[in-house]
Amino acid sequence: MAADGTAEVKSMRPHPDFLRMGAGAALLETIIATASARGVRRLSLETGSGTAFEPALELYRRRGFVNGGPFGSYRQSDFNQFLHLDIS
C-alpha cells in the first residue's frame, strides 16, 4: 500500500479453457477483502485493450472498477487503460 492509501492490482487473464469458471472472481474478491482489511482506500490497475482483455475487463467492471486516469509511473498510450475501485 502506498502512503496515500492506494494499491495496485496486477491484471489477470486466465487461460481460455478456464474462462468464466469463477477462479478470477474468487481471487479478485480475496484481493479486495484483504486490501480493505489492510486499510487500502483505492485499488487501481493498468491493463491492455482489445479482444484478449475483454473477459478480465468485464470481471473488473462487474465488481465496480471504473475507467480513470494513469497512476503511479504509468503513462497513457493507445493500448493501455486504467481502472480504479474506491473501497473506503
PDB file of N, CA and C in Angstrom:
ATOM      1  N   MET A   1       0.850  -1.172   0.000  1.00  0.00           N
ATOM      2  CA  MET A   1       0.000   0.000   0.000  1.00  0.00           C
ATOM      3  C   MET A   1       0.898   1.238   0.000  1.00  0.00           C
ATOM      4  N   ALA A   2       0.550   2.185  -0.832  1.00  0.00           N
ATOM      5  CA  ALA A   2       1.256   3.461  -0.882  1.00  0.00           C
ATOM      6  C   ALA A   2       0.826   4.333   0.301  1.00  0.00           C
ATOM      7  N   ALA A   3       1.611   5.342   0.583  1.00  0.00           N
ATOM      8  CA  ALA A   3       1.323   6.242   1.698  1.00  0.00           C
ATOM      9  C   ALA A   3      -0.039   6.921   1.565  1.00  0.00           C
ATOM     10  N   ASP A   4      -0.515   7.082   0.327  1.00  0.00           N
ATOM     11  CA  ASP A   4      -1.808   7.745   0.116  1.00  0.00           C
ATOM     12  C   ASP A   4      -3.002   6.790   0.211  1.00  0.00           C
ATOM     13  N   GLY A   5      -2.763   5.541   0.619  1.00  0.00           N
ATOM     14  CA  GLY A   5      -3.862   4.588   0.795  1.00  0.00           C
ATOM     15  C   GLY A   5      -4.270   3.866  -0.465  1.00  0.00           C
ATOM     16  N   THR A   6      -3.453   3.945  -1.503  1.00  0.00           N
ATOM     17  CA  THR A   6      -3.776   3.258  -2.751  1.00  0.00           C
ATOM     18  C   THR A   6      -2.906   2.018  -2.912  1.00  0.00           C
ATOM     19  N   ALA A   7      -3.387   1.079  -3.721  1.00  0.00           N
ATOM     20  CA  ALA A   7      -2.632  -0.136  -4.017  1.00  0.00           C
ATOM     21  C   ALA A   7      -2.962  -0.567  -5.441  1.00  0.00           C
ATOM     22  N   GLU A   8      -2.063  -1.334  -6.014  1.00  0.00           N
ATOM     23  CA  GLU A   8      -2.232  -1.785  -7.396  1.00  0.00           C
ATOM     24  C   GLU A   8      -2.589  -3.261  -7.448  1.00  0.00           C
ATOM     25  N   VAL A   9      -3.528  -3.579  -8.310  1.00  0.00           N
ATOM     26  CA  VAL A   9      -3.868  -4.964  -8.637  1.00  0.00           C
ATOM     27  C   VAL A   9      -3.216  -5.256  -9.975  1.00  0.00           C
ATOM     28  N   LYS A  10      -2.464  -6.327 -10.044  1.00  0.00           N
ATOM     29  CA  LYS A  10      -1.893  -6.726 -11.328  1.00  0.00           C
ATOM     30  C   LYS A  10      -2.999  -7.405 -12.118  1.00  0.00           C
ATOM     31  N   SER A  11      -3.071  -7.117 -13.405  1.00  0.00           N
ATOM     32  CA  SER A  11      -4.152  -7.672 -14.221  1.00  0.00           C
ATOM     33  C   SER A  11      -4.029  -9.186 -14.330  1.00  0.00           C
ATOM     34  N   MET A  12      -5.173  -9.842 -14.438  1.00  0.00           N
ATOM     35  CA  MET A  12      -5.235 -11.303 -14.529  1.00  0.00           C
ATOM     36  C   MET A  12      -5.916 -11.688 -15.837  1.00  0.00           C
ATOM     37  N   ARG A  13      -5.359 -12.678 -16.505  1.00  0.00           N
ATOM     38  CA  ARG A  13      -6.004 -13.236 -17.691  1.00  0.00           C
ATOM     39  C   ARG A  13      -5.868 -14.755 -17.628  1.00  0.00           C
ATOM     40  N   PRO A  14      -6.949 -15.441 -17.299  1.00  0.00           N
ATOM     41  CA  PRO A  14      -6.868 -16.895 -17.232  1.00  0.00           C
ATOM     42  C   PRO A  14      -6.732 -17.506 -18.626  1.00  0.00           C
ATOM     43  N   HIS A  15      -6.252 -18.716 -18.648  1.00  0.00           N
ATOM     44  CA  HIS A  15      -6.184 -19.467 -19.891  1.00  0.00           C
ATOM     45  C   HIS A  15      -7.596 -19.565 -20.465  1.00  0.00           C
ATOM     46  N   PRO A  16      -7.772 -19.465 -21.778  1.00  0.00           N
ATOM     47  CA  PRO A  16      -9.114 -19.506 -22.372  1.00  0.00           C
ATOM     48  C   PRO A  16      -9.949 -20.725 -21.977  1.00  0.00           C
ATOM     49  N   ASP A  17      -9.322 -21.842 -21.685  1.00  0.00           N
ATOM     50  CA  ASP A  17     -10.067 -23.042 -21.275  1.00  0.00           C
ATOM     51  C   ASP A  17     -10.730 -22.881 -19.914  1.00  0.00           C
ATOM     52  N   PHE A  18     -10.331 -21.862 -19.157  1.00  0.00           N
ATOM     53  CA  PHE A  18     -10.844 -21.696 -17.801  1.00  0.00           C
ATOM     54  C   PHE A  18     -11.648 -20.418 -17.605  1.00  0.00           C
ATOM     55  N   LEU A  19     -12.008 -19.768 -18.698  1.00  0.00           N
ATOM     56  CA  LEU A  19     -12.804 -18.543 -18.588  1.00  0.00           C
ATOM     57  C   LEU A  19     -14.171 -18.829 -17.991  1.00  0.00           C
ATOM     58  N   ARG A  20     -14.641 -17.894 -17.191  1.00  0.00           N
ATOM     59  CA  ARG A  20     -15.984 -17.910 -16.604  1.00  0.00           C
ATOM     60  C   ARG A  20     -16.262 -19.143 -15.737  1.00  0.00           C
ATOM     61  N   MET A  21     -15.221 -19.594 -15.034  1.00  0.00           N
ATOM     62  CA  MET A  21     -15.395 -20.703 -14.090  1.00  0.00           C
ATOM     63  C   MET A  21     -15.335 -20.215 -12.642  1.00  0.00           C
ATOM     64  N   GLY A  22     -15.136 -18.908 -12.443  1.00  0.00           N
ATOM     65  CA  GLY A  22     -15.181 -18.332 -11.108  1.00  0.00           C
ATOM     66  C   GLY A  22     -13.852 -18.137 -10.412  1.00  0.00           C
ATOM     67  N   ALA A  23     -12.769 -18.646 -10.963  1.00  0.00           N
ATOM     68  CA  ALA A  23     -11.470 -18.511 -10.288  1.00  0.00           C
ATOM     69  C   ALA A  23     -11.039 -17.055 -10.209  1.00  0.00           C
ATOM     70  N   GLY A  24     -11.150 -16.327 -11.310  1.00  0.00           N
ATOM     71  CA  GLY A  24     -10.758 -14.918 -11.319  1.00  0.00           C
ATOM     72  C   GLY A  24     -11.597 -14.097 -10.356  1.00  0.00           C
ATOM     73  N   ALA A  25     -12.906 -14.347 -10.330  1.00  0.00           N
ATOM     74  CA  ALA A  25     -13.787 -13.612  -9.426  1.00  0.00           C
ATOM     75  C   ALA A  25     -13.438 -13.903  -7.973  1.00  0.00           C
ATOM     76  N   ALA A  26     -13.130 -15.160  -7.660  1.00  0.00           N
ATOM     77  CA  ALA A  26     -12.763 -15.518  -6.291  1.00  0.00           C
ATOM     78  C   ALA A  26     -11.455 -14.841  -5.887  1.00  0.00           C
ATOM     79  N   LEU A  27     -10.481 -14.830  -6.787  1.00  0.00           N
ATOM     80  CA  LEU A  27      -9.223 -14.154  -6.494  1.00  0.00           C
ATOM     81  C   LEU A  27      -9.428 -12.664  -6.288  1.00  0.00           C
ATOM     82  N   LEU A  28     -10.228 -12.048  -7.164  1.00  0.00           N
ATOM     83  CA  LEU A  28     -10.464 -10.615  -7.053  1.00  0.00           C
ATOM     84  C   LEU A  28     -11.174 -10.274  -5.746  1.00  0.00           C
ATOM     85  N   GLU A  29     -12.150 -11.063  -5.353  1.00  0.00           N
ATOM     86  CA  GLU A  29     -12.844 -10.811  -4.086  1.00  0.00           C
ATOM     87  C   GLU A  29     -11.881 -10.920  -2.913  1.00  0.00           C
ATOM     88  N   THR A  30     -10.971 -11.886  -2.970  1.00  0.00           N
ATOM     89  CA  THR A  30      -9.976 -12.038  -1.906  1.00  0.00           C
ATOM     90  C   THR A  30      -9.039 -10.837  -1.864  1.00  0.00           C
ATOM     91  N   ILE A  31      -8.621 -10.372  -3.039  1.00  0.00           N
ATOM     92  CA  ILE A  31      -7.747  -9.194  -3.109  1.00  0.00           C
ATOM     93  C   ILE A  31      -8.451  -7.974  -2.520  1.00  0.00           C
ATOM     94  N   ILE A  32      -9.703  -7.761  -2.900  1.00  0.00           N
ATOM     95  CA  ILE A  32     -10.457  -6.599  -2.408  1.00  0.00           C
ATOM     96  C   ILE A  32     -10.661  -6.692  -0.899  1.00  0.00           C
ATOM     97  N   ALA A  33     -11.038  -7.862  -0.396  1.00  0.00           N
ATOM     98  CA  ALA A  33     -11.258  -8.033   1.040  1.00  0.00           C
ATOM     99  C   ALA A  33      -9.966  -7.814   1.827  1.00  0.00           C
ATOM    100  N   THR A  34      -8.864  -8.345   1.328  1.00  0.00           N
ATOM    101  CA  THR A  34      -7.582  -8.178   2.004  1.00  0.00           C
ATOM    102  C   THR A  34      -7.150  -6.716   1.995  1.00  0.00           C
ATOM    103  N   ALA A  35      -7.322  -6.064   0.850  1.00  0.00           N
ATOM    104  CA  ALA A  35      -6.968  -4.647   0.755  1.00  0.00           C
ATOM    105  C   ALA A  35      -7.797  -3.820   1.729  1.00  0.00           C
ATOM    106  N   SER A  36      -9.079  -4.087   1.786  1.00  0.00           N
ATOM    107  CA  SER A  36      -9.955  -3.361   2.698  1.00  0.00           C
ATOM    108  C   SER A  36      -9.530  -3.570   4.149  1.00  0.00           C
ATOM    109  N   ALA A  37      -9.226  -4.814   4.504  1.00  0.00           N
ATOM    110  CA  ALA A  37      -8.805  -5.126   5.868  1.00  0.00           C
ATOM    111  C   ALA A  37      -7.488  -4.438   6.228  1.00  0.00           C
ATOM    112  N   ARG A  38      -6.672  -4.171   5.240  1.00  0.00           N
ATOM    113  CA  ARG A  38      -5.385  -3.513   5.477  1.00  0.00           C
ATOM    114  C   ARG A  38      -5.458  -1.993   5.360  1.00  0.00           C
ATOM    115  N   GLY A  39      -6.667  -1.463   5.158  1.00  0.00           N
ATOM    116  CA  GLY A  39      -6.846  -0.023   5.128  1.00  0.00           C
ATOM    117  C   GLY A  39      -6.636   0.647   3.781  1.00  0.00           C
ATOM    118  N   VAL A  40      -6.576  -0.142   2.717  1.00  0.00           N
ATOM    119  CA  VAL A  40      -6.441   0.443   1.377  1.00  0.00           C
ATOM    120  C   VAL A  40      -7.740   1.171   1.055  1.00  0.00           C
ATOM    121  N   ARG A  41      -7.606   2.368   0.508  1.00  0.00           N
ATOM    122  CA  ARG A  41      -8.781   3.170   0.155  1.00  0.00           C
ATOM    123  C   ARG A  41      -9.160   3.043  -1.309  1.00  0.00           C
ATOM    124  N   ARG A  42      -8.150   2.779  -2.173  1.00  0.00           N
ATOM    125  CA  ARG A  42      -8.436   2.665  -3.605  1.00  0.00           C
ATOM    126  C   ARG A  42      -7.498   1.648  -4.238  1.00  0.00           C
ATOM    127  N   LEU A  43      -8.093   0.746  -5.013  1.00  0.00           N
ATOM    128  CA  LEU A  43      -7.328  -0.198  -5.816  1.00  0.00           C
ATOM    129  C   LEU A  43      -7.312   0.286  -7.250  1.00  0.00           C
ATOM    130  N   SER A  44      -6.170   0.166  -7.912  1.00  0.00           N
ATOM    131  CA  SER A  44      -6.046   0.586  -9.308  1.00  0.00           C
ATOM    132  C   SER A  44      -5.332  -0.502 -10.090  1.00  0.00           C
ATOM    133  N   LEU A  45      -5.599  -0.532 -11.385  1.00  0.00           N
ATOM    134  CA  LEU A  45      -4.881  -1.455 -12.247  1.00  0.00           C
ATOM    135  C   LEU A  45      -4.698  -0.859 -13.623  1.00  0.00           C
ATOM    136  N   GLU A  46      -3.639  -1.309 -14.276  1.00  0.00           N
ATOM    137  CA  GLU A  46      -3.330  -0.930 -15.652  1.00  0.00           C
ATOM    138  C   GLU A  46      -3.420  -2.200 -16.465  1.00  0.00           C
ATOM    139  N   THR A  47      -4.099  -2.122 -17.589  1.00  0.00           N
ATOM    140  CA  THR A  47      -4.238  -3.295 -18.449  1.00  0.00           C
ATOM    141  C   THR A  47      -4.313  -2.848 -19.898  1.00  0.00           C
ATOM    142  N   GLY A  48      -4.370  -3.811 -20.784  1.00  0.00           N
ATOM    143  CA  GLY A  48      -4.404  -3.510 -22.204  1.00  0.00           C
ATOM    144  C   GLY A  48      -5.807  -3.358 -22.742  1.00  0.00           C
ATOM    145  N   SER A  49      -5.874  -3.192 -24.045  1.00  0.00           N
ATOM    146  CA  SER A  49      -7.146  -3.061 -24.744  1.00  0.00           C
ATOM    147  C   SER A  49      -7.214  -4.128 -25.825  1.00  0.00           C
ATOM    148  N   GLY A  50      -8.406  -4.471 -26.209  1.00  0.00           N
ATOM    149  CA  GLY A  50      -8.588  -5.426 -27.288  1.00  0.00           C
ATOM    150  C   GLY A  50      -9.308  -6.677 -26.826  1.00  0.00           C
ATOM    151  N   THR A  51      -9.597  -7.531 -27.768  1.00  0.00           N
ATOM    152  CA  THR A  51     -10.399  -8.733 -27.540  1.00  0.00           C
ATOM    153  C   THR A  51      -9.844  -9.615 -26.428  1.00  0.00           C
ATOM    154  N   ALA A  52      -8.543  -9.801 -26.390  1.00  0.00           N
ATOM    155  CA  ALA A  52      -7.945 -10.690 -25.386  1.00  0.00           C
ATOM    156  C   ALA A  52      -8.161 -10.190 -23.961  1.00  0.00           C
ATOM    157  N   PHE A  53      -8.388  -8.911 -23.790  1.00  0.00           N
ATOM    158  CA  PHE A  53      -8.529  -8.337 -22.462  1.00  0.00           C
ATOM    159  C   PHE A  53      -9.987  -8.208 -22.017  1.00  0.00           C
ATOM    160  N   GLU A  54     -10.926  -8.407 -22.911  1.00  0.00           N
ATOM    161  CA  GLU A  54     -12.340  -8.185 -22.586  1.00  0.00           C
ATOM    162  C   GLU A  54     -12.857  -9.028 -21.429  1.00  0.00           C
ATOM    163  N   PRO A  55     -12.545 -10.329 -21.332  1.00  0.00           N
ATOM    164  CA  PRO A  55     -13.059 -11.084 -20.174  1.00  0.00           C
ATOM    165  C   PRO A  55     -12.595 -10.511 -18.839  1.00  0.00           C
ATOM    166  N   ALA A  56     -11.338 -10.118 -18.747  1.00  0.00           N
ATOM    167  CA  ALA A  56     -10.836  -9.543 -17.496  1.00  0.00           C
ATOM    168  C   ALA A  56     -11.483  -8.185 -17.227  1.00  0.00           C
ATOM    169  N   LEU A  57     -11.605  -7.377 -18.259  1.00  0.00           N
ATOM    170  CA  LEU A  57     -12.239  -6.067 -18.090  1.00  0.00           C
ATOM    171  C   LEU A  57     -13.680  -6.220 -17.622  1.00  0.00           C
ATOM    172  N   GLU A  58     -14.375  -7.186 -18.169  1.00  0.00           N
ATOM    173  CA  GLU A  58     -15.751  -7.448 -17.760  1.00  0.00           C
ATOM    174  C   GLU A  58     -15.809  -7.821 -16.278  1.00  0.00           C
ATOM    175  N   LEU A  59     -14.883  -8.656 -15.834  1.00  0.00           N
ATOM    176  CA  LEU A  59     -14.816  -9.046 -14.425  1.00  0.00           C
ATOM    177  C   LEU A  59     -14.585  -7.827 -13.537  1.00  0.00           C
ATOM    178  N   TYR A  60     -13.598  -7.021 -13.875  1.00  0.00           N
ATOM    179  CA  TYR A  60     -13.298  -5.843 -13.060  1.00  0.00           C
ATOM    180  C   TYR A  60     -14.482  -4.878 -13.029  1.00  0.00           C
ATOM    181  N   ARG A  61     -15.077  -4.623 -14.144  1.00  0.00           N
ATOM    182  CA  ARG A  61     -16.210  -3.680 -14.197  1.00  0.00           C
ATOM    183  C   ARG A  61     -17.416  -4.221 -13.448  1.00  0.00           C
ATOM    184  N   ARG A  62     -17.641  -5.513 -13.543  1.00  0.00           N
ATOM    185  CA  ARG A  62     -18.765  -6.123 -12.829  1.00  0.00           C
ATOM    186  C   ARG A  62     -18.584  -5.954 -11.318  1.00  0.00           C
ATOM    187  N   ARG A  63     -17.352  -5.897 -10.863  1.00  0.00           N
ATOM    188  CA  ARG A  63     -17.068  -5.733  -9.434  1.00  0.00           C
ATOM    189  C   ARG A  63     -17.028  -4.269  -9.012  1.00  0.00           C
ATOM    190  N   GLY A  64     -17.154  -3.335  -9.984  1.00  0.00           N
ATOM    191  CA  GLY A  64     -17.244  -1.920  -9.638  1.00  0.00           C
ATOM    192  C   GLY A  64     -16.067  -1.059 -10.046  1.00  0.00           C
ATOM    193  N   PHE A  65     -15.054  -1.643 -10.670  1.00  0.00           N
ATOM    194  CA  PHE A  65     -13.947  -0.841 -11.165  1.00  0.00           C
ATOM    195  C   PHE A  65     -14.448   0.059 -12.296  1.00  0.00           C
ATOM    196  N   VAL A  66     -13.940   1.272 -12.348  1.00  0.00           N
ATOM    197  CA  VAL A  66     -14.310   2.220 -13.406  1.00  0.00           C
ATOM    198  C   VAL A  66     -13.049   2.763 -14.067  1.00  0.00           C
ATOM    199  N   ASN A  67     -13.193   3.133 -15.331  1.00  0.00           N
ATOM    200  CA  ASN A  67     -12.056   3.702 -16.048  1.00  0.00           C
ATOM    201  C   ASN A  67     -11.672   5.041 -15.451  1.00  0.00           C
ATOM    202  N   GLY A  68     -10.378   5.317 -15.463  1.00  0.00           N
ATOM    203  CA  GLY A  68      -9.867   6.579 -14.952  1.00  0.00           C
ATOM    204  C   GLY A  68      -8.494   6.848 -15.537  1.00  0.00           C
ATOM    205  N   GLY A  69      -7.813   7.782 -14.955  1.00  0.00           N
ATOM    206  CA  GLY A  69      -6.520   8.204 -15.474  1.00  0.00           C
ATOM    207  C   GLY A  69      -5.369   7.340 -14.993  1.00  0.00           C
ATOM    208  N   PRO A  70      -4.198   7.597 -15.564  1.00  0.00           N
ATOM    209  CA  PRO A  70      -2.990   6.863 -15.165  1.00  0.00           C
ATOM    210  C   PRO A  70      -2.673   7.099 -13.686  1.00  0.00           C
ATOM    211  N   PHE A  71      -1.927   6.198 -13.119  1.00  0.00           N
ATOM    212  CA  PHE A  71      -1.490   6.309 -11.729  1.00  0.00           C
ATOM    213  C   PHE A  71      -0.039   5.838 -11.645  1.00  0.00           C
ATOM    214  N   GLY A  72       0.590   6.138 -10.524  1.00  0.00           N
ATOM    215  CA  GLY A  72       1.982   5.736 -10.342  1.00  0.00           C
ATOM    216  C   GLY A  72       2.850   6.264 -11.469  1.00  0.00           C
ATOM    217  N   SER A  73       3.707   5.420 -11.992  1.00  0.00           N
ATOM    218  CA  SER A  73       4.606   5.827 -13.076  1.00  0.00           C
ATOM    219  C   SER A  73       4.085   5.447 -14.459  1.00  0.00           C
ATOM    220  N   TYR A  74       2.852   4.965 -14.528  1.00  0.00           N
ATOM    221  CA  TYR A  74       2.270   4.588 -15.821  1.00  0.00           C
ATOM    222  C   TYR A  74       2.007   5.813 -16.687  1.00  0.00           C
ATOM    223  N   ARG A  75       2.100   5.621 -17.974  1.00  0.00           N
ATOM    224  CA  ARG A  75       1.794   6.668 -18.956  1.00  0.00           C
ATOM    225  C   ARG A  75       0.668   6.162 -19.853  1.00  0.00           C
ATOM    226  N   GLN A  76      -0.229   7.032 -20.221  1.00  0.00           N
ATOM    227  CA  GLN A  76      -1.329   6.701 -21.122  1.00  0.00           C
ATOM    228  C   GLN A  76      -0.789   6.419 -22.522  1.00  0.00           C
ATOM    229  N   SER A  77      -1.341   5.400 -23.181  1.00  0.00           N
ATOM    230  CA  SER A  77      -0.999   5.108 -24.566  1.00  0.00           C
ATOM    231  C   SER A  77      -2.276   4.683 -25.296  1.00  0.00           C
ATOM    232  N   ASP A  78      -2.157   4.406 -26.583  1.00  0.00           N
ATOM    233  CA  ASP A  78      -3.313   3.934 -27.342  1.00  0.00           C
ATOM    234  C   ASP A  78      -3.707   2.520 -26.943  1.00  0.00           C
ATOM    235  N   PHE A  79      -2.799   1.782 -26.309  1.00  0.00           N
ATOM    236  CA  PHE A  79      -3.047   0.387 -25.973  1.00  0.00           C
ATOM    237  C   PHE A  79      -3.564   0.184 -24.554  1.00  0.00           C
ATOM    238  N   ASN A  80      -3.079   0.948 -23.596  1.00  0.00           N
ATOM    239  CA  ASN A  80      -3.431   0.640 -22.207  1.00  0.00           C
ATOM    240  C   ASN A  80      -4.635   1.434 -21.721  1.00  0.00           C
ATOM    241  N   GLN A  81      -5.143   0.991 -20.586  1.00  0.00           N
ATOM    242  CA  GLN A  81      -6.229   1.691 -19.904  1.00  0.00           C
ATOM    243  C   GLN A  81      -6.083   1.441 -18.412  1.00  0.00           C
ATOM    244  N   PHE A  82      -6.735   2.285 -17.634  1.00  0.00           N
ATOM    245  CA  PHE A  82      -6.596   2.253 -16.181  1.00  0.00           C
ATOM    246  C   PHE A  82      -7.969   2.148 -15.546  1.00  0.00           C
ATOM    247  N   LEU A  83      -8.068   1.287 -14.542  1.00  0.00           N
ATOM    248  CA  LEU A  83      -9.320   1.108 -13.821  1.00  0.00           C
ATOM    249  C   LEU A  83      -9.065   1.310 -12.336  1.00  0.00           C
ATOM    250  N   HIS A  84     -10.101   1.819 -11.631  1.00  0.00           N
ATOM    251  CA  HIS A  84      -9.968   2.140 -10.216  1.00  0.00           C
ATOM    252  C   HIS A  84     -11.225   1.691  -9.469  1.00  0.00           C
ATOM    253  N   LEU A  85     -11.017   1.297  -8.226  1.00  0.00           N
ATOM    254  CA  LEU A  85     -12.127   0.916  -7.336  1.00  0.00           C
ATOM    255  C   LEU A  85     -11.916   1.585  -5.989  1.00  0.00           C
ATOM    256  N   ASP A  86     -12.836   2.455  -5.604  1.00  0.00           N
ATOM    257  CA  ASP A  86     -12.780   3.066  -4.275  1.00  0.00           C
ATOM    258  C   ASP A  86     -13.393   2.060  -3.296  1.00  0.00           C
ATOM    259  N   ILE A  87     -12.637   1.716  -2.254  1.00  0.00           N
ATOM    260  CA  ILE A  87     -13.127   0.729  -1.293  1.00  0.00           C
ATOM    261  C   ILE A  87     -13.207   1.288   0.123  1.00  0.00           C
ATOM    262  N   SER A  88     -12.986   2.573   0.279  1.00  0.00           N
ATOM    263  CA  SER A  88     -13.010   3.159   1.625  1.00  0.00           C
ATOM    264  C   SER A  88     -14.425   3.356   2.126  1.00  0.00           C
TER     265      SER A  88
END
